């Protein structure tokens, strides 16, 4: 093969990329991770603010995709996500990739010799930011003795119909002090969960974290958000041919599709349509199988589904040709569609 000579006659503004990054990090990163990192480099030079929504819109990704990319580079110690006292990402610090081997990721990073560059960012924190501290018994006692929070404990016990355990108090302290929920918002949170038959603080914590991630700070905002959520739930129920109220398990599936998978309503409804055509049993499990496979295949927009369909059809054609060409050998003749139907009928 002939050698390639690369020449550069450009005379334009540029963003420099470390050779160490190209040599040691670029090959292992996926497209989203590379794009986000280059975007950060560009904005660190322009001194312009950016945001989660701006990144997502620019690349046609979901905000969860952006968060995953940022978390990847933080794990590689190329960047550090800086949080404010509410646990929200307030900035991103970029480091020289050649200095990552000897630099610990700590608060002293901002003074490291690698000359960090700050990129202002109004980005929602990932769920990992909201980890509950291991509160001591003294802290729990102090929390219960506060005038305002002692009343909160009383209200929680009234809603839940029981005396709060130490674990319950820890959850309440976490929601109050770490998530910074107001008295009124916690009151509404407890009502919301109890009205849905949920009195477990693990569930209550999950709802609180989801509201914190959505920057909900008042009962009115929470009510508006849950109304929209309820509308989505019943839209999916109708699409799957369900006329009854959703069970907790069904709500769990729908929540997963929206929040964990990050799919928009058009993608979920497409999966529901295929489910209705494919089976009349265990439709939520069937739809979840479709959506989880789309998530694994990198579906972000409805048009991506046609790419996945084409890839699947291509694999089936190759498998068919292979069986015909080598039919003199004993082969495993799996019908994956039949296997899936068998799984769902169990």
Protein backbone atom coordinates (compact mmCIF):
# COMPACT_ATOMS: atom_id res chain seq x y z
CA UNK A 1 0.00 0.00 0.00
CA UNK A 2 1.35 3.45 -0.93
CA UNK A 3 2.15 5.95 1.82
CA UNK A 4 -0.09 8.96 2.42
CA UNK A 5 1.36 12.43 2.72
CA UNK A 6 -0.88 14.79 4.70
CA UNK A 7 -0.41 18.53 4.19
CA UNK A 8 -2.24 21.38 5.88
CA UNK A 9 -2.65 24.77 4.20
CA UNK A 10 -5.43 26.02 6.49
CA UNK A 11 -5.32 29.48 7.94
CA UNK A 12 -8.37 29.43 10.21
CA UNK A 13 -9.25 29.51 13.88
CA UNK A 14 -8.56 26.17 15.50
CA UNK A 15 -8.97 24.12 18.65
CA UNK A 16 -5.91 22.12 19.67
CA UNK A 17 -6.23 18.47 20.68
CA UNK A 18 -3.51 16.81 22.72
CA UNK A 19 -1.46 14.15 20.95
CA UNK A 20 -1.73 12.12 24.14
CA UNK A 21 -5.51 12.19 23.78
CA UNK A 22 -5.31 11.00 20.17
CA UNK A 23 -2.75 8.29 20.96
CA UNK A 24 -4.19 6.93 24.20
CA UNK A 25 -7.87 7.82 24.50
CA UNK A 26 -9.46 8.35 21.10
CA UNK A 27 -9.56 4.72 19.93
CA UNK A 28 -11.54 3.46 22.92
CA UNK A 29 -14.14 6.25 22.96
CA UNK A 30 -17.42 6.04 21.09
CA UNK A 31 -18.81 8.72 18.79
CA UNK A 32 -20.85 10.49 21.47
CA UNK A 33 -17.93 10.62 23.89
CA UNK A 34 -15.57 12.03 21.25
CA UNK A 35 -18.07 14.63 20.07
CA UNK A 36 -18.80 15.84 23.58
CA UNK A 37 -15.11 16.10 24.46
CA UNK A 38 -14.28 18.08 21.31
CA UNK A 39 -17.26 20.33 21.96
CA UNK A 40 -15.92 21.05 25.45
CA UNK A 41 -12.49 21.87 24.04
CA UNK A 42 -14.05 24.28 21.57
CA UNK A 43 -16.09 26.06 24.23
CA UNK A 44 -13.20 26.26 26.68
CA UNK A 45 -11.42 28.44 24.12
CA UNK A 46 -14.43 30.56 23.18
CA UNK A 47 -15.24 31.26 26.86
CA UNK A 48 -18.94 30.79 26.05
CA UNK A 49 -21.39 29.20 28.46
CA UNK A 50 -23.07 25.97 27.45
CA UNK A 51 -25.73 23.73 28.93
CA UNK A 52 -27.02 20.20 28.89
CA UNK A 53 -29.87 21.12 26.55
CA UNK A 54 -27.48 22.94 24.20
CA UNK A 55 -25.22 19.89 23.99
CA UNK A 56 -28.16 17.54 23.44
CA UNK A 57 -29.72 19.75 20.76
CA UNK A 58 -26.42 20.30 18.98
CA UNK A 59 -25.73 16.59 18.57
CA UNK A 60 -29.32 15.35 18.40
CA UNK A 61 -28.69 13.23 21.49
CA UNK A 62 -30.69 12.84 24.66
CA UNK A 63 -29.49 14.57 27.80
CA UNK A 64 -28.76 11.14 29.31
CA UNK A 65 -26.36 10.45 26.42
CA UNK A 66 -24.51 13.66 27.25
CA UNK A 67 -24.34 12.75 30.93
CA UNK A 68 -22.97 9.31 30.10
CA UNK A 69 -20.27 10.87 27.91
CA UNK A 70 -19.28 13.35 30.61
CA UNK A 71 -19.14 10.57 33.21
CA UNK A 72 -16.93 8.52 30.89
CA UNK A 73 -14.34 11.29 30.58
CA UNK A 74 -14.43 11.95 34.30
CA UNK A 75 -13.67 8.26 34.92
CA UNK A 76 -10.71 8.64 32.56
CA UNK A 77 -9.62 11.66 34.67
CA UNK A 78 -9.54 13.96 31.62
CA UNK A 79 -12.28 16.16 33.04
CA UNK A 80 -13.82 16.79 36.45
CA UNK A 81 -17.43 17.75 37.01
CA UNK A 82 -17.69 20.56 39.57
CA UNK A 83 -20.85 20.71 41.66
CA UNK A 84 -22.45 23.49 43.64
CA UNK A 85 -23.79 23.11 47.17
CA UNK A 86 -27.06 21.72 45.80
CA UNK A 87 -25.28 18.90 44.01
CA UNK A 88 -25.84 20.44 40.59
CA UNK A 89 -23.06 20.57 38.03
CA UNK A 90 -21.82 24.14 37.94
CA UNK A 91 -18.76 23.71 35.75
CA UNK A 92 -16.44 21.31 33.99
CA UNK A 93 -12.69 21.31 34.47
CA UNK A 94 -10.54 20.05 31.59
CA UNK A 95 -7.11 18.55 32.27
CA UNK A 96 -4.08 17.77 30.16
CA UNK A 97 -4.46 14.05 29.24
CA UNK A 98 -0.70 13.52 29.61
CA UNK A 99 -0.94 14.38 33.34
CA UNK A 100 -3.75 11.99 34.28
CA UNK A 101 -1.56 9.13 35.47
CA UNK A 102 -0.14 11.02 38.44
CA UNK A 103 -3.05 13.31 39.32
CA UNK A 104 -5.67 12.20 41.85
CA UNK A 105 -9.20 13.45 41.30
CA UNK A 106 -9.80 15.67 44.31
CA UNK A 107 -10.68 19.20 45.23
CA UNK A 108 -7.06 20.18 44.68
CA UNK A 109 -7.44 19.43 40.98
CA UNK A 110 -8.35 23.03 40.27
CA UNK A 111 -4.82 24.05 41.24
CA UNK A 112 -3.06 21.27 39.36
CA UNK A 113 -0.05 22.03 37.21
CA UNK A 114 -1.91 20.82 34.15
CA UNK A 115 -3.53 24.27 33.84
CA UNK A 116 -7.23 23.37 33.92
CA UNK A 117 -9.72 25.17 31.68
CA UNK A 118 -13.20 25.89 33.00
CA UNK A 119 -16.32 25.41 30.91
CA UNK A 120 -19.40 26.92 32.52
CA UNK A 121 -22.33 24.52 32.37
CA UNK A 122 -25.89 24.37 33.66
CA UNK A 123 -26.17 20.61 33.52
CA UNK A 124 -28.48 18.35 35.48
CA UNK A 125 -26.55 16.02 37.74
CA UNK A 126 -26.65 12.27 37.25
CA UNK A 127 -28.41 10.02 39.72
CA UNK A 128 -25.05 9.02 41.23
CA UNK A 129 -24.70 12.56 42.62
CA UNK A 130 -27.68 11.90 44.87
CA UNK A 131 -26.13 9.36 47.21
CA UNK A 132 -27.49 9.32 50.74
CA UNK A 133 -24.83 10.07 53.38
CA UNK A 134 -24.28 7.65 56.24
CA UNK A 135 -25.81 9.84 58.91
CA UNK A 136 -24.79 9.26 62.53
CA UNK A 137 -27.27 8.74 65.35
CA UNK A 138 -26.34 12.19 66.66
CA UNK A 139 -27.30 13.76 63.33
CA UNK A 140 -30.61 11.91 63.29
CA UNK A 141 -31.35 13.01 66.83
CA UNK A 142 -30.51 16.62 66.01
CA UNK A 143 -32.75 16.45 62.95
CA UNK A 144 -35.71 15.19 65.01
CA UNK A 145 -35.14 17.90 67.63
CA UNK A 146 -35.29 20.81 65.20
CA UNK A 147 -38.54 22.68 65.51
CA UNK A 148 -39.44 22.56 61.82
CA UNK A 149 -38.25 19.03 61.11
CA UNK A 150 -39.83 17.55 64.22
CA UNK A 151 -43.14 18.68 62.78
CA UNK A 152 -42.14 17.08 59.48
CA UNK A 153 -41.49 13.77 61.23
CA UNK A 154 -44.92 13.99 62.85
CA UNK A 155 -46.60 14.64 59.47
CA UNK A 156 -44.72 11.76 57.84
CA UNK A 157 -45.80 9.40 60.60
CA UNK A 158 -49.39 10.56 60.15
CA UNK A 159 -49.32 9.90 56.39
CA UNK A 160 -47.56 6.55 56.67
CA UNK A 161 -49.49 5.38 59.72
CA UNK A 162 -46.42 4.23 61.64
CA UNK A 163 -43.56 5.42 63.80
CA UNK A 164 -40.56 6.24 61.59
CA UNK A 165 -37.55 3.99 61.92
CA UNK A 166 -33.96 5.24 61.96
CA UNK A 167 -33.75 4.35 58.26
CA UNK A 168 -36.89 6.36 57.53
CA UNK A 169 -35.45 9.35 59.40
CA UNK A 170 -32.26 9.06 57.33
CA UNK A 171 -34.33 9.21 54.15
CA UNK A 172 -36.27 12.22 55.39
CA UNK A 173 -33.04 13.98 56.40
CA UNK A 174 -31.55 13.19 52.97
CA UNK A 175 -34.55 14.66 51.15
CA UNK A 176 -34.55 17.75 53.36
CA UNK A 177 -30.85 18.54 53.66
CA UNK A 178 -29.26 17.00 50.55
CA UNK A 179 -32.03 17.49 48.00
CA UNK A 180 -33.03 20.78 49.65
CA UNK A 181 -36.76 20.10 49.50
CA UNK A 182 -38.90 22.65 51.30
CA UNK A 183 -41.37 21.66 54.02
CA UNK A 184 -44.30 22.11 51.59
CA UNK A 185 -42.63 20.08 48.86
CA UNK A 186 -41.91 17.17 51.23
CA UNK A 187 -45.50 17.33 52.42
CA UNK A 188 -46.71 17.08 48.81
CA UNK A 189 -44.20 14.30 48.09
CA UNK A 190 -45.52 12.19 50.95
CA UNK A 191 -49.13 12.77 49.87
CA UNK A 192 -48.28 11.89 46.27
CA UNK A 193 -46.64 8.57 47.20
CA UNK A 194 -49.22 7.55 49.79
CA UNK A 195 -52.07 8.28 47.35
CA UNK A 196 -50.44 5.75 45.02
CA UNK A 197 -50.21 3.14 47.72
CA UNK A 198 -46.47 3.61 48.22
CA UNK A 199 -45.37 3.95 51.85
CA UNK A 200 -41.85 2.60 51.44
CA UNK A 201 -39.17 5.29 51.85
CA UNK A 202 -37.06 3.62 49.16
CA UNK A 203 -39.81 4.45 46.69
CA UNK A 204 -40.29 7.91 48.18
CA UNK A 205 -36.56 8.60 47.78
CA UNK A 206 -36.64 7.57 44.12
CA UNK A 207 -39.50 9.96 43.42
CA UNK A 208 -37.70 12.75 45.30
CA UNK A 209 -34.51 12.21 43.30
CA UNK A 210 -36.42 12.26 40.01
CA UNK A 211 -38.02 15.57 41.03
CA UNK A 212 -34.64 16.98 42.03
CA UNK A 213 -33.21 15.98 38.66
CA UNK A 214 -36.13 17.78 37.00
CA UNK A 215 -35.36 20.88 39.12
CA UNK A 216 -38.78 20.73 40.79
CA UNK A 217 -38.79 23.01 43.82
CA UNK A 218 -42.46 23.72 44.60
CA UNK A 219 -45.64 21.64 45.01
CA UNK A 220 -47.14 23.39 41.95
CA UNK A 221 -44.20 22.32 39.79
CA UNK A 222 -44.46 18.78 41.12
CA UNK A 223 -48.18 18.67 40.36
CA UNK A 224 -47.63 19.89 36.80
CA UNK A 225 -44.87 17.33 36.28
CA UNK A 226 -46.89 14.42 37.64
CA UNK A 227 -49.89 15.43 35.54
CA UNK A 228 -47.76 15.23 32.41
CA UNK A 229 -46.39 11.90 33.60
CA UNK A 230 -49.88 10.52 34.20
CA UNK A 231 -50.87 11.55 30.68
CA UNK A 232 -47.91 9.62 29.26
CA UNK A 233 -48.79 6.57 31.35
CA UNK A 234 -52.34 6.39 30.02
CA UNK A 235 -51.16 7.08 26.46
CA UNK A 236 -48.97 3.98 26.65
CA UNK A 237 -51.70 1.95 28.35
CA UNK A 238 -54.11 2.79 25.53
CA UNK A 239 -51.49 1.97 22.90
CA UNK A 240 -51.07 -1.50 24.43
CA UNK A 241 -54.82 -2.07 24.45
CA UNK A 242 -55.16 -1.63 28.22
CA UNK A 243 -58.30 0.13 29.44
CA UNK A 244 -57.82 -0.46 33.17
CA UNK A 245 -55.76 1.61 35.59
CA UNK A 246 -52.08 0.70 35.48
CA UNK A 247 -50.68 -1.68 38.07
CA UNK A 248 -47.51 -0.70 39.96
CA UNK A 249 -45.57 -3.16 37.79
CA UNK A 250 -46.91 -1.58 34.61
CA UNK A 251 -46.05 1.90 35.88
CA UNK A 252 -42.54 0.61 36.62
CA UNK A 253 -42.14 -0.51 33.00
CA UNK A 254 -43.38 2.80 31.61
CA UNK A 255 -41.16 4.79 33.98
CA UNK A 256 -38.17 2.72 32.86
CA UNK A 257 -38.87 3.45 29.19
CA UNK A 258 -39.09 7.17 29.78
CA UNK A 259 -36.48 7.74 32.47
CA UNK A 260 -33.91 4.92 32.30
CA UNK A 261 -34.02 4.28 28.55
CA UNK A 262 -34.63 7.95 27.79
CA UNK A 263 -37.06 7.27 24.93
CA UNK A 264 -39.53 9.82 23.61
CA UNK A 265 -43.22 9.01 23.24
CA UNK A 266 -43.02 8.36 19.48
CA UNK A 267 -40.43 5.59 19.94
CA UNK A 268 -42.39 4.00 22.79
CA UNK A 269 -45.61 4.07 20.76
CA UNK A 270 -43.81 2.41 17.84
CA UNK A 271 -42.78 -0.42 20.16
CA UNK A 272 -46.34 -0.63 21.49
CA UNK A 273 -47.71 -0.93 17.95
CA UNK A 274 -45.32 -3.78 17.16
CA UNK A 275 -46.21 -5.44 20.44
CA UNK A 276 -49.95 -5.39 19.72
CA UNK A 277 -49.30 -6.91 16.29
CA UNK A 278 -46.94 -9.50 17.74
CA UNK A 279 -48.72 -10.85 20.79
CA UNK A 280 -51.78 -10.60 22.98
CA UNK A 281 -50.02 -11.92 26.09
CA UNK A 282 -47.59 -10.25 28.47
CA UNK A 283 -47.45 -7.17 26.32
CA UNK A 284 -45.40 -5.10 28.75
CA UNK A 285 -42.65 -7.72 28.80
CA UNK A 286 -42.76 -7.96 25.01
CA UNK A 287 -42.59 -4.17 24.57
CA UNK A 288 -39.77 -3.96 27.10
CA UNK A 289 -37.80 -6.54 25.11
CA UNK A 290 -38.19 -4.42 21.97
CA UNK A 291 -37.24 -1.18 23.70
CA UNK A 292 -34.27 -2.66 25.55
CA UNK A 293 -32.91 -4.01 22.25
CA UNK A 294 -33.34 -0.57 20.66
CA UNK A 295 -31.53 1.03 23.57
CA UNK A 296 -28.64 -1.45 23.16
CA UNK A 297 -28.57 -0.67 19.43
CA UNK A 298 -28.21 3.06 20.07
CA UNK A 299 -31.67 4.22 19.02
CA UNK A 300 -32.15 7.89 19.92
CA UNK A 301 -34.74 9.00 17.35
CA UNK A 302 -37.57 7.24 15.57
CA UNK A 303 -35.70 7.28 12.27
CA UNK A 304 -32.95 5.19 13.89
CA UNK A 305 -35.38 2.27 14.11
CA UNK A 306 -35.28 1.70 10.35
CA UNK A 307 -31.50 1.29 10.61
CA UNK A 308 -31.92 -1.35 13.31
CA UNK A 309 -34.61 -3.12 11.27
CA UNK A 310 -32.36 -3.16 8.20
CA UNK A 311 -29.47 -4.56 10.22
CA UNK A 312 -31.66 -7.29 11.68
CA UNK A 313 -33.01 -8.23 8.22
CA UNK A 314 -29.47 -8.37 6.88
CA UNK A 315 -28.37 -10.76 9.63
CA UNK A 316 -31.33 -13.03 8.91
CA UNK A 317 -30.46 -13.12 5.19
CA UNK A 318 -26.85 -13.96 5.95
CA UNK A 319 -27.93 -16.72 8.31
CA UNK A 320 -30.28 -18.13 5.67
CA UNK A 321 -27.56 -18.15 2.99
CA UNK A 322 -25.16 -19.77 5.44
CA UNK A 323 -27.58 -22.58 6.19
CA UNK A 324 -28.16 -23.25 2.50
CA UNK A 325 -24.46 -23.22 1.65
CA UNK A 326 -23.32 -25.54 4.40
CA UNK A 327 -26.38 -27.72 4.85
CA UNK A 328 -24.25 -30.83 4.72
CA UNK A 329 -23.21 -30.05 8.33
CA UNK A 330 -25.44 -30.41 11.35
CA UNK A 331 -26.36 -26.89 12.49
CA UNK A 332 -28.30 -25.18 15.24
CA UNK A 333 -31.37 -23.93 13.41
CA UNK A 334 -32.62 -21.35 15.88
CA UNK A 335 -35.69 -19.29 15.08
CA UNK A 336 -35.22 -16.29 17.35
CA UNK A 337 -38.73 -14.98 16.72
CA UNK A 338 -40.20 -18.33 17.80
CA UNK A 339 -37.95 -18.42 20.84
CA UNK A 340 -39.12 -14.98 21.83
CA UNK A 341 -42.74 -16.02 21.50
CA UNK A 342 -42.04 -19.13 23.56
CA UNK A 343 -40.40 -17.01 26.25
CA UNK A 344 -43.37 -14.68 26.46
CA UNK A 345 -45.90 -17.51 26.59
CA UNK A 346 -44.25 -19.15 29.64
